[in-house]
Amino acid sequence: MSGSRSWIPAVPIAVVVTGVLAFAAISVQGPQLRAHLAQPGRASAQAAIDRTLAAEPITFAPNATEPTGGVAPLAEVLRIAPTGLTFEVGGHTAAGPGGEETALALSQTRADAVVKALAAAGVLADRLTAKGYGDTRPSATGDDRRVDVTVR
């Protein structure tokens, strides 16, 4: 045996290393990956929400907290969305007097009002959360007195 060399073919080593790395990645990211895959309708639900809000936006008069516009069509989309999905209603304001604290409070009140209206229209309240963003996320279209709805 002094003259013989033992060697391990490179291909089986590569397969084993790749398998170990894949197992490690799944072990580390598995819970997140499983949670994402358990929500197959996530992208289509967000697309339906975006289309609905584009067609019938939910807006607010200056300094108003009661929504106008498409609460009913949005509620229909959210009611038929896959049951494992939850939604964040993000309230927004236009820049104005009163500062950041006032804008955040107004946007939170707007988001809360939309969540209340959606729940009254049959969307389960435990699927909805409200978040006020003030004037920190201006709209590309210029309508900053609005809400956005994001699948979570």
N, C-alpha and C. Protein backbone atom coordinates (compact mmCIF):
# COMPACT_ATOMS: atom_id res chain seq x y z
N MET A 1 0.81 -1.19 0.00
CA MET A 1 0.00 0.00 0.00
C MET A 1 0.85 1.24 0.00
N SER A 2 2.15 1.06 0.12
CA SER A 2 2.99 2.24 0.15
C SER A 2 3.00 2.96 -1.18
N GLY A 3 2.78 2.24 -2.28
CA GLY A 3 2.80 2.88 -3.59
C GLY A 3 1.43 3.30 -4.06
N SER A 4 0.38 2.89 -3.42
CA SER A 4 -0.95 3.25 -3.90
C SER A 4 -1.44 4.53 -3.24
N ARG A 5 -2.17 5.22 -4.02
CA ARG A 5 -2.75 6.47 -3.49
C ARG A 5 -4.26 6.29 -3.40
N SER A 6 -4.80 6.73 -2.32
CA SER A 6 -6.25 6.71 -2.24
C SER A 6 -6.75 8.11 -2.57
N TRP A 7 -7.80 8.15 -3.33
CA TRP A 7 -8.36 9.44 -3.71
C TRP A 7 -9.88 9.35 -3.69
N ILE A 8 -10.46 10.47 -3.53
CA ILE A 8 -11.92 10.57 -3.53
C ILE A 8 -12.28 11.43 -4.73
N PRO A 9 -13.13 10.91 -5.57
CA PRO A 9 -13.51 11.69 -6.76
C PRO A 9 -14.11 13.03 -6.36
N ALA A 10 -13.84 14.06 -7.15
CA ALA A 10 -14.29 15.42 -6.86
C ALA A 10 -15.81 15.57 -6.94
N VAL A 11 -16.46 14.90 -7.85
CA VAL A 11 -17.90 15.05 -8.01
C VAL A 11 -18.67 14.62 -6.77
N PRO A 12 -18.40 13.43 -6.21
CA PRO A 12 -19.14 13.09 -4.98
C PRO A 12 -18.87 14.07 -3.83
N ILE A 13 -17.69 14.59 -3.73
CA ILE A 13 -17.41 15.57 -2.68
C ILE A 13 -18.25 16.83 -2.90
N ALA A 14 -18.34 17.28 -4.13
CA ALA A 14 -19.13 18.46 -4.44
C ALA A 14 -20.60 18.24 -4.10
N VAL A 15 -21.10 17.06 -4.40
CA VAL A 15 -22.49 16.74 -4.10
C VAL A 15 -22.73 16.75 -2.59
N VAL A 16 -21.83 16.17 -1.85
CA VAL A 16 -21.96 16.12 -0.39
C VAL A 16 -21.87 17.53 0.18
N VAL A 17 -20.92 18.33 -0.27
CA VAL A 17 -20.77 19.69 0.25
C VAL A 17 -22.00 20.52 -0.09
N THR A 18 -22.49 20.41 -1.31
CA THR A 18 -23.68 21.14 -1.70
C THR A 18 -24.87 20.73 -0.85
N GLY A 19 -25.03 19.45 -0.62
CA GLY A 19 -26.12 18.97 0.22
C GLY A 19 -26.02 19.49 1.64
N VAL A 20 -24.84 19.50 2.20
CA VAL A 20 -24.64 20.01 3.56
C VAL A 20 -24.97 21.50 3.62
N LEU A 21 -24.50 22.25 2.63
CA LEU A 21 -24.79 23.68 2.61
C LEU A 21 -26.28 23.95 2.43
N ALA A 22 -26.94 23.18 1.58
CA ALA A 22 -28.38 23.35 1.39
C ALA A 22 -29.12 23.03 2.67
N PHE A 23 -28.73 21.96 3.34
CA PHE A 23 -29.36 21.61 4.61
C PHE A 23 -29.16 22.72 5.64
N ALA A 24 -27.96 23.28 5.68
CA ALA A 24 -27.67 24.36 6.63
C ALA A 24 -28.53 25.59 6.32
N ALA A 25 -28.66 25.93 5.04
CA ALA A 25 -29.46 27.09 4.66
C ALA A 25 -30.92 26.88 5.03
N ILE A 26 -31.45 25.70 4.77
CA ILE A 26 -32.84 25.41 5.10
C ILE A 26 -33.04 25.40 6.60
N SER A 27 -32.07 24.89 7.34
CA SER A 27 -32.18 24.86 8.79
C SER A 27 -32.23 26.26 9.36
N VAL A 28 -31.41 27.16 8.80
CA VAL A 28 -31.36 28.53 9.31
C VAL A 28 -32.55 29.35 8.83
N GLN A 29 -32.90 29.24 7.54
CA GLN A 29 -33.95 30.06 6.98
C GLN A 29 -35.28 29.32 6.85
N GLY A 30 -35.33 28.09 7.28
CA GLY A 30 -36.51 27.26 7.11
C GLY A 30 -37.80 27.86 7.61
N PRO A 31 -37.85 28.36 8.85
CA PRO A 31 -39.11 28.91 9.34
C PRO A 31 -39.62 30.07 8.48
N GLN A 32 -38.71 30.95 8.07
CA GLN A 32 -39.12 32.08 7.23
C GLN A 32 -39.57 31.58 5.86
N LEU A 33 -38.85 30.63 5.31
CA LEU A 33 -39.18 30.09 4.00
C LEU A 33 -40.53 29.38 4.05
N ARG A 34 -40.74 28.58 5.08
CA ARG A 34 -42.02 27.88 5.21
C ARG A 34 -43.18 28.87 5.37
N ALA A 35 -42.97 29.93 6.15
CA ALA A 35 -44.01 30.92 6.35
C ALA A 35 -44.35 31.61 5.03
N HIS A 36 -43.32 31.91 4.25
CA HIS A 36 -43.56 32.56 2.96
C HIS A 36 -44.29 31.62 2.00
N LEU A 37 -43.87 30.37 1.94
CA LEU A 37 -44.48 29.42 1.03
C LEU A 37 -45.89 29.04 1.45
N ALA A 38 -46.19 29.20 2.74
CA ALA A 38 -47.52 28.88 3.23
C ALA A 38 -48.54 29.92 2.80
N GLN A 39 -48.07 31.00 2.21
CA GLN A 39 -48.95 32.07 1.77
C GLN A 39 -48.87 32.23 0.26
N PRO A 40 -49.38 31.25 -0.48
CA PRO A 40 -49.23 31.29 -1.93
C PRO A 40 -49.96 32.45 -2.59
N GLY A 41 -50.99 32.99 -1.96
CA GLY A 41 -51.75 34.06 -2.56
C GLY A 41 -51.27 35.45 -2.21
N ARG A 42 -50.13 35.54 -1.55
CA ARG A 42 -49.62 36.81 -1.07
C ARG A 42 -49.44 37.83 -2.19
N ALA A 43 -48.71 37.46 -3.24
CA ALA A 43 -48.44 38.39 -4.34
C ALA A 43 -49.71 38.75 -5.08
N SER A 44 -50.56 37.77 -5.33
CA SER A 44 -51.80 38.06 -6.05
C SER A 44 -52.75 38.91 -5.20
N ALA A 45 -52.75 38.69 -3.88
CA ALA A 45 -53.59 39.50 -3.00
C ALA A 45 -53.10 40.95 -3.00
N GLN A 46 -51.77 41.16 -2.94
CA GLN A 46 -51.23 42.52 -2.96
C GLN A 46 -51.55 43.19 -4.30
N ALA A 47 -51.45 42.45 -5.38
CA ALA A 47 -51.78 43.01 -6.69
C ALA A 47 -53.25 43.42 -6.76
N ALA A 48 -54.14 42.59 -6.22
CA ALA A 48 -55.57 42.92 -6.21
C ALA A 48 -55.84 44.15 -5.35
N ILE A 49 -55.17 44.24 -4.21
CA ILE A 49 -55.32 45.41 -3.34
C ILE A 49 -54.86 46.66 -4.07
N ASP A 50 -53.69 46.59 -4.70
CA ASP A 50 -53.15 47.75 -5.41
C ASP A 50 -54.06 48.19 -6.55
N ARG A 51 -54.60 47.23 -7.30
CA ARG A 51 -55.53 47.56 -8.39
C ARG A 51 -56.79 48.22 -7.84
N THR A 52 -57.31 47.69 -6.76
CA THR A 52 -58.53 48.23 -6.16
C THR A 52 -58.31 49.66 -5.67
N LEU A 53 -57.21 49.89 -4.97
CA LEU A 53 -56.94 51.23 -4.46
C LEU A 53 -56.61 52.22 -5.58
N ALA A 54 -56.03 51.73 -6.68
CA ALA A 54 -55.76 52.61 -7.82
C ALA A 54 -57.07 53.02 -8.49
N ALA A 55 -58.00 52.08 -8.59
CA ALA A 55 -59.29 52.37 -9.23
C ALA A 55 -60.19 53.22 -8.33
N GLU A 56 -60.19 52.91 -7.04
CA GLU A 56 -61.04 53.62 -6.08
C GLU A 56 -60.25 53.89 -4.80
N PRO A 57 -59.41 54.93 -4.82
CA PRO A 57 -58.58 55.20 -3.64
C PRO A 57 -59.40 55.63 -2.44
N ILE A 58 -58.86 55.34 -1.29
CA ILE A 58 -59.44 55.82 -0.04
C ILE A 58 -58.66 57.07 0.32
N THR A 59 -59.35 58.20 0.36
CA THR A 59 -58.69 59.47 0.61
C THR A 59 -59.39 60.20 1.76
N PHE A 60 -58.86 61.37 2.09
CA PHE A 60 -59.39 62.16 3.19
C PHE A 60 -59.38 63.63 2.80
N ALA A 61 -60.37 64.35 3.25
CA ALA A 61 -60.36 65.81 3.10
C ALA A 61 -59.27 66.36 4.03
N PRO A 62 -58.78 67.58 3.77
CA PRO A 62 -57.77 68.16 4.65
C PRO A 62 -58.22 68.15 6.12
N ASN A 63 -57.35 67.66 6.97
CA ASN A 63 -57.56 67.58 8.42
C ASN A 63 -58.73 66.69 8.83
N ALA A 64 -59.29 65.91 7.89
CA ALA A 64 -60.40 65.03 8.21
C ALA A 64 -59.90 63.64 8.59
N THR A 65 -60.69 62.95 9.37
CA THR A 65 -60.31 61.60 9.79
C THR A 65 -61.25 60.52 9.25
N GLU A 66 -62.33 60.92 8.59
CA GLU A 66 -63.26 59.94 8.02
C GLU A 66 -62.89 59.69 6.57
N PRO A 67 -62.75 58.42 6.21
CA PRO A 67 -62.34 58.10 4.84
C PRO A 67 -63.45 58.34 3.82
N THR A 68 -63.03 58.69 2.62
CA THR A 68 -63.93 58.77 1.49
C THR A 68 -63.38 57.84 0.42
N GLY A 69 -64.25 57.32 -0.39
CA GLY A 69 -63.77 56.48 -1.48
C GLY A 69 -64.02 55.01 -1.26
N GLY A 70 -63.08 54.20 -1.75
CA GLY A 70 -63.28 52.78 -1.96
C GLY A 70 -63.14 51.84 -0.79
N VAL A 71 -63.77 52.11 0.34
CA VAL A 71 -63.71 51.16 1.45
C VAL A 71 -64.42 49.85 1.09
N ALA A 72 -65.60 49.94 0.49
CA ALA A 72 -66.38 48.73 0.17
C ALA A 72 -65.65 47.81 -0.82
N PRO A 73 -65.12 48.33 -1.94
CA PRO A 73 -64.40 47.44 -2.85
C PRO A 73 -63.16 46.82 -2.21
N LEU A 74 -62.45 47.60 -1.40
CA LEU A 74 -61.27 47.07 -0.73
C LEU A 74 -61.67 45.98 0.26
N ALA A 75 -62.75 46.20 0.99
CA ALA A 75 -63.22 45.20 1.95
C ALA A 75 -63.52 43.88 1.25
N GLU A 76 -64.10 43.94 0.06
CA GLU A 76 -64.41 42.73 -0.69
C GLU A 76 -63.13 41.97 -1.05
N VAL A 77 -62.11 42.69 -1.48
CA VAL A 77 -60.83 42.06 -1.82
C VAL A 77 -60.21 41.41 -0.58
N LEU A 78 -60.24 42.11 0.54
CA LEU A 78 -59.63 41.59 1.77
C LEU A 78 -60.41 40.39 2.33
N ARG A 79 -61.72 40.40 2.18
CA ARG A 79 -62.53 39.28 2.67
C ARG A 79 -62.23 37.99 1.90
N ILE A 80 -61.96 38.08 0.61
CA ILE A 80 -61.73 36.87 -0.18
C ILE A 80 -60.26 36.48 -0.25
N ALA A 81 -59.37 37.29 0.33
CA ALA A 81 -57.94 36.96 0.34
C ALA A 81 -57.72 35.70 1.19
N PRO A 82 -56.66 34.94 0.89
CA PRO A 82 -56.38 33.73 1.68
C PRO A 82 -56.37 34.02 3.18
N THR A 83 -56.91 33.10 3.95
CA THR A 83 -57.12 33.34 5.38
C THR A 83 -55.83 33.52 6.17
N GLY A 84 -54.72 33.04 5.70
CA GLY A 84 -53.47 33.20 6.44
C GLY A 84 -52.83 34.56 6.32
N LEU A 85 -53.39 35.43 5.48
CA LEU A 85 -52.79 36.74 5.25
C LEU A 85 -53.33 37.76 6.24
N THR A 86 -52.44 38.69 6.62
CA THR A 86 -52.85 39.84 7.42
C THR A 86 -52.47 41.09 6.64
N PHE A 87 -53.05 42.23 7.05
CA PHE A 87 -52.89 43.45 6.27
C PHE A 87 -52.57 44.63 7.17
N GLU A 88 -51.65 45.46 6.71
CA GLU A 88 -51.35 46.70 7.41
C GLU A 88 -51.99 47.84 6.63
N VAL A 89 -52.79 48.64 7.32
CA VAL A 89 -53.37 49.84 6.75
C VAL A 89 -52.47 50.99 7.19
N GLY A 90 -51.78 51.58 6.23
CA GLY A 90 -50.85 52.67 6.51
C GLY A 90 -51.49 54.01 6.21
N GLY A 91 -51.63 54.85 7.22
CA GLY A 91 -52.23 56.17 7.03
C GLY A 91 -51.16 57.20 6.70
N HIS A 92 -51.51 58.16 5.84
CA HIS A 92 -50.58 59.19 5.39
C HIS A 92 -51.25 60.55 5.43
N THR A 93 -50.43 61.59 5.55
CA THR A 93 -50.91 62.96 5.54
C THR A 93 -50.06 63.77 4.58
N ALA A 94 -50.62 64.90 4.16
CA ALA A 94 -49.84 65.86 3.38
C ALA A 94 -49.02 66.69 4.36
N ALA A 95 -47.91 67.20 3.90
CA ALA A 95 -47.10 68.08 4.74
C ALA A 95 -47.91 69.34 5.05
N GLY A 96 -47.84 69.77 6.28
CA GLY A 96 -48.62 70.95 6.65
C GLY A 96 -48.17 71.49 7.99
N PRO A 97 -48.88 72.48 8.48
CA PRO A 97 -48.53 73.06 9.78
C PRO A 97 -48.79 72.07 10.90
N GLY A 98 -48.10 72.25 11.98
CA GLY A 98 -48.32 71.40 13.14
C GLY A 98 -47.17 70.45 13.41
N GLY A 99 -46.31 70.24 12.44
CA GLY A 99 -45.13 69.43 12.67
C GLY A 99 -45.36 67.93 12.56
N GLU A 100 -44.27 67.23 12.81
CA GLU A 100 -44.25 65.77 12.65
C GLU A 100 -45.19 65.07 13.61
N GLU A 101 -45.24 65.50 14.84
CA GLU A 101 -46.10 64.85 15.84
C GLU A 101 -47.58 64.94 15.45
N THR A 102 -48.00 66.09 14.97
CA THR A 102 -49.38 66.27 14.53
C THR A 102 -49.68 65.39 13.33
N ALA A 103 -48.75 65.34 12.37
CA ALA A 103 -48.93 64.53 11.17
C ALA A 103 -49.02 63.05 11.52
N LEU A 104 -48.17 62.60 12.43
CA LEU A 104 -48.22 61.19 12.84
C LEU A 104 -49.53 60.84 13.53
N ALA A 105 -50.00 61.74 14.39
CA ALA A 105 -51.26 61.49 15.10
C ALA A 105 -52.43 61.45 14.12
N LEU A 106 -52.47 62.39 13.17
CA LEU A 106 -53.55 62.42 12.18
C LEU A 106 -53.51 61.17 11.30
N SER A 107 -52.32 60.77 10.87
CA SER A 107 -52.23 59.59 10.00
C SER A 107 -52.62 58.32 10.75
N GLN A 108 -52.29 58.23 12.03
CA GLN A 108 -52.69 57.07 12.83
C GLN A 108 -54.20 57.04 12.99
N THR A 109 -54.80 58.20 13.24
CA THR A 109 -56.25 58.28 13.37
C THR A 109 -56.93 57.86 12.06
N ARG A 110 -56.36 58.27 10.93
CA ARG A 110 -56.91 57.89 9.63
C ARG A 110 -56.80 56.38 9.42
N ALA A 111 -55.65 55.81 9.72
CA ALA A 111 -55.47 54.37 9.57
C ALA A 111 -56.45 53.62 10.48
N ASP A 112 -56.61 54.08 11.71
CA ASP A 112 -57.57 53.45 12.64
C ASP A 112 -58.99 53.53 12.10
N ALA A 113 -59.36 54.67 11.50
CA ALA A 113 -60.71 54.83 10.95
C ALA A 113 -60.96 53.87 9.79
N VAL A 114 -59.95 53.67 8.96
CA VAL A 114 -60.11 52.74 7.83
C VAL A 114 -60.20 51.30 8.34
N VAL A 115 -59.39 50.95 9.33
CA VAL A 115 -59.48 49.60 9.91
C VAL A 115 -60.88 49.38 10.49
N LYS A 116 -61.41 50.37 11.18
CA LYS A 116 -62.76 50.27 11.75
C LYS A 116 -63.80 50.11 10.64
N ALA A 117 -63.67 50.87 9.56
CA ALA A 117 -64.62 50.77 8.45
C ALA A 117 -64.51 49.42 7.74
N LEU A 118 -63.30 48.92 7.58
CA LEU A 118 -63.12 47.60 6.95
C LEU A 118 -63.71 46.50 7.82
N ALA A 119 -63.51 46.60 9.13
CA ALA A 119 -64.09 45.61 10.05
C ALA A 119 -65.61 45.67 10.01
N ALA A 120 -66.16 46.88 9.93
CA ALA A 120 -67.61 47.02 9.83
C ALA A 120 -68.14 46.45 8.52
N ALA A 121 -67.27 46.40 7.49
CA ALA A 121 -67.66 45.86 6.18
C ALA A 121 -67.40 44.36 6.08
N GLY A 122 -67.02 43.73 7.20
CA GLY A 122 -66.90 42.28 7.22
C GLY A 122 -65.50 41.70 7.19
N VAL A 123 -64.47 42.53 7.20
CA VAL A 123 -63.10 42.02 7.26
C VAL A 123 -62.79 41.73 8.73
N LEU A 124 -62.26 40.55 9.00
CA LEU A 124 -61.95 40.19 10.39
C LEU A 124 -60.92 41.17 10.96
N ALA A 125 -61.25 41.75 12.11
CA ALA A 125 -60.39 42.77 12.72
C ALA A 125 -59.02 42.24 13.08
N ASP A 126 -58.91 40.94 13.41
CA ASP A 126 -57.59 40.41 13.79
C ASP A 126 -56.67 40.23 12.59
N ARG A 127 -57.16 40.47 11.39
CA ARG A 127 -56.32 40.42 10.19
C ARG A 127 -55.79 41.81 9.82
N LEU A 128 -56.20 42.84 10.57
CA LEU A 128 -55.88 44.22 10.23
C LEU A 128 -55.07 44.89 11.32
N THR A 129 -54.07 45.66 10.91
CA THR A 129 -53.35 46.53 11.84
C THR A 129 -53.28 47.92 11.21
N ALA A 130 -53.23 48.93 12.04
CA ALA A 130 -53.17 50.31 11.58
C ALA A 130 -51.82 50.90 11.95
N LYS A 131 -51.24 51.66 11.02
CA LYS A 131 -49.96 52.30 11.27
C LYS A 131 -49.97 53.68 10.64
N GLY A 132 -49.69 54.69 11.43
CA GLY A 132 -49.61 56.06 10.92
C GLY A 132 -48.19 56.40 10.51
N TYR A 133 -48.04 56.95 9.32
CA TYR A 133 -46.72 57.31 8.80
C TYR A 133 -46.54 58.82 8.68
N GLY A 134 -47.54 59.60 9.02
CA GLY A 134 -47.43 61.05 8.91
C GLY A 134 -47.18 61.46 7.47
N ASP A 135 -46.26 62.41 7.28
CA ASP A 135 -45.93 62.85 5.93
C ASP A 135 -44.57 62.32 5.48
N THR A 136 -44.16 61.18 6.07
CA THR A 136 -42.83 60.63 5.78
C THR A 136 -42.75 59.86 4.47
N ARG A 137 -43.88 59.52 3.88
CA ARG A 137 -43.91 58.74 2.63
C ARG A 137 -44.82 59.42 1.61
N PRO A 138 -44.33 60.49 0.99
CA PRO A 138 -45.19 61.19 0.02
C PRO A 138 -45.54 60.29 -1.16
N SER A 139 -46.70 60.53 -1.71
CA SER A 139 -47.19 59.76 -2.86
C SER A 139 -46.57 60.29 -4.15
N ALA A 140 -46.29 59.40 -5.07
CA ALA A 140 -45.78 59.80 -6.38
C ALA A 140 -46.85 60.54 -7.17
N THR A 141 -48.11 60.28 -6.86
CA THR A 141 -49.21 60.91 -7.59
C THR A 141 -49.63 62.23 -6.97
N GLY A 142 -49.09 62.57 -5.81
CA GLY A 142 -49.39 63.84 -5.17
C GLY A 142 -50.55 63.82 -4.19
N ASP A 143 -51.25 62.68 -4.07
CA ASP A 143 -52.35 62.61 -3.11
C ASP A 143 -51.83 61.99 -1.82
N ASP A 144 -51.47 62.84 -0.88
CA ASP A 144 -50.87 62.34 0.35
C ASP A 144 -51.87 62.12 1.47
N ARG A 145 -53.11 62.50 1.28
CA ARG A 145 -54.16 62.23 2.26
C ARG A 145 -54.81 60.91 1.87
N ARG A 146 -54.15 59.82 2.25
CA ARG A 146 -54.56 58.51 1.75
C ARG A 146 -54.18 57.41 2.73
N VAL A 147 -54.57 56.19 2.38
CA VAL A 147 -54.07 55.00 3.06
C VAL A 147 -53.52 54.05 2.00
N ASP A 148 -52.54 53.28 2.40
CA ASP A 148 -52.02 52.17 1.61
C ASP A 148 -52.30 50.92 2.40
N VAL A 149 -52.50 49.82 1.71
CA VAL A 149 -52.72 48.55 2.39
C VAL A 149 -51.66 47.58 1.89
N THR A 150 -50.95 46.96 2.83
CA THR A 150 -49.85 46.07 2.51
C THR A 150 -50.12 44.71 3.13
N VAL A 151 -49.91 43.67 2.34
CA VAL A 151 -50.03 42.30 2.86
C VAL A 151 -48.83 42.04 3.76
N ARG A 152 -49.08 41.51 4.93
CA ARG A 152 -48.00 41.20 5.89
C ARG A 152 -47.90 39.73 6.09
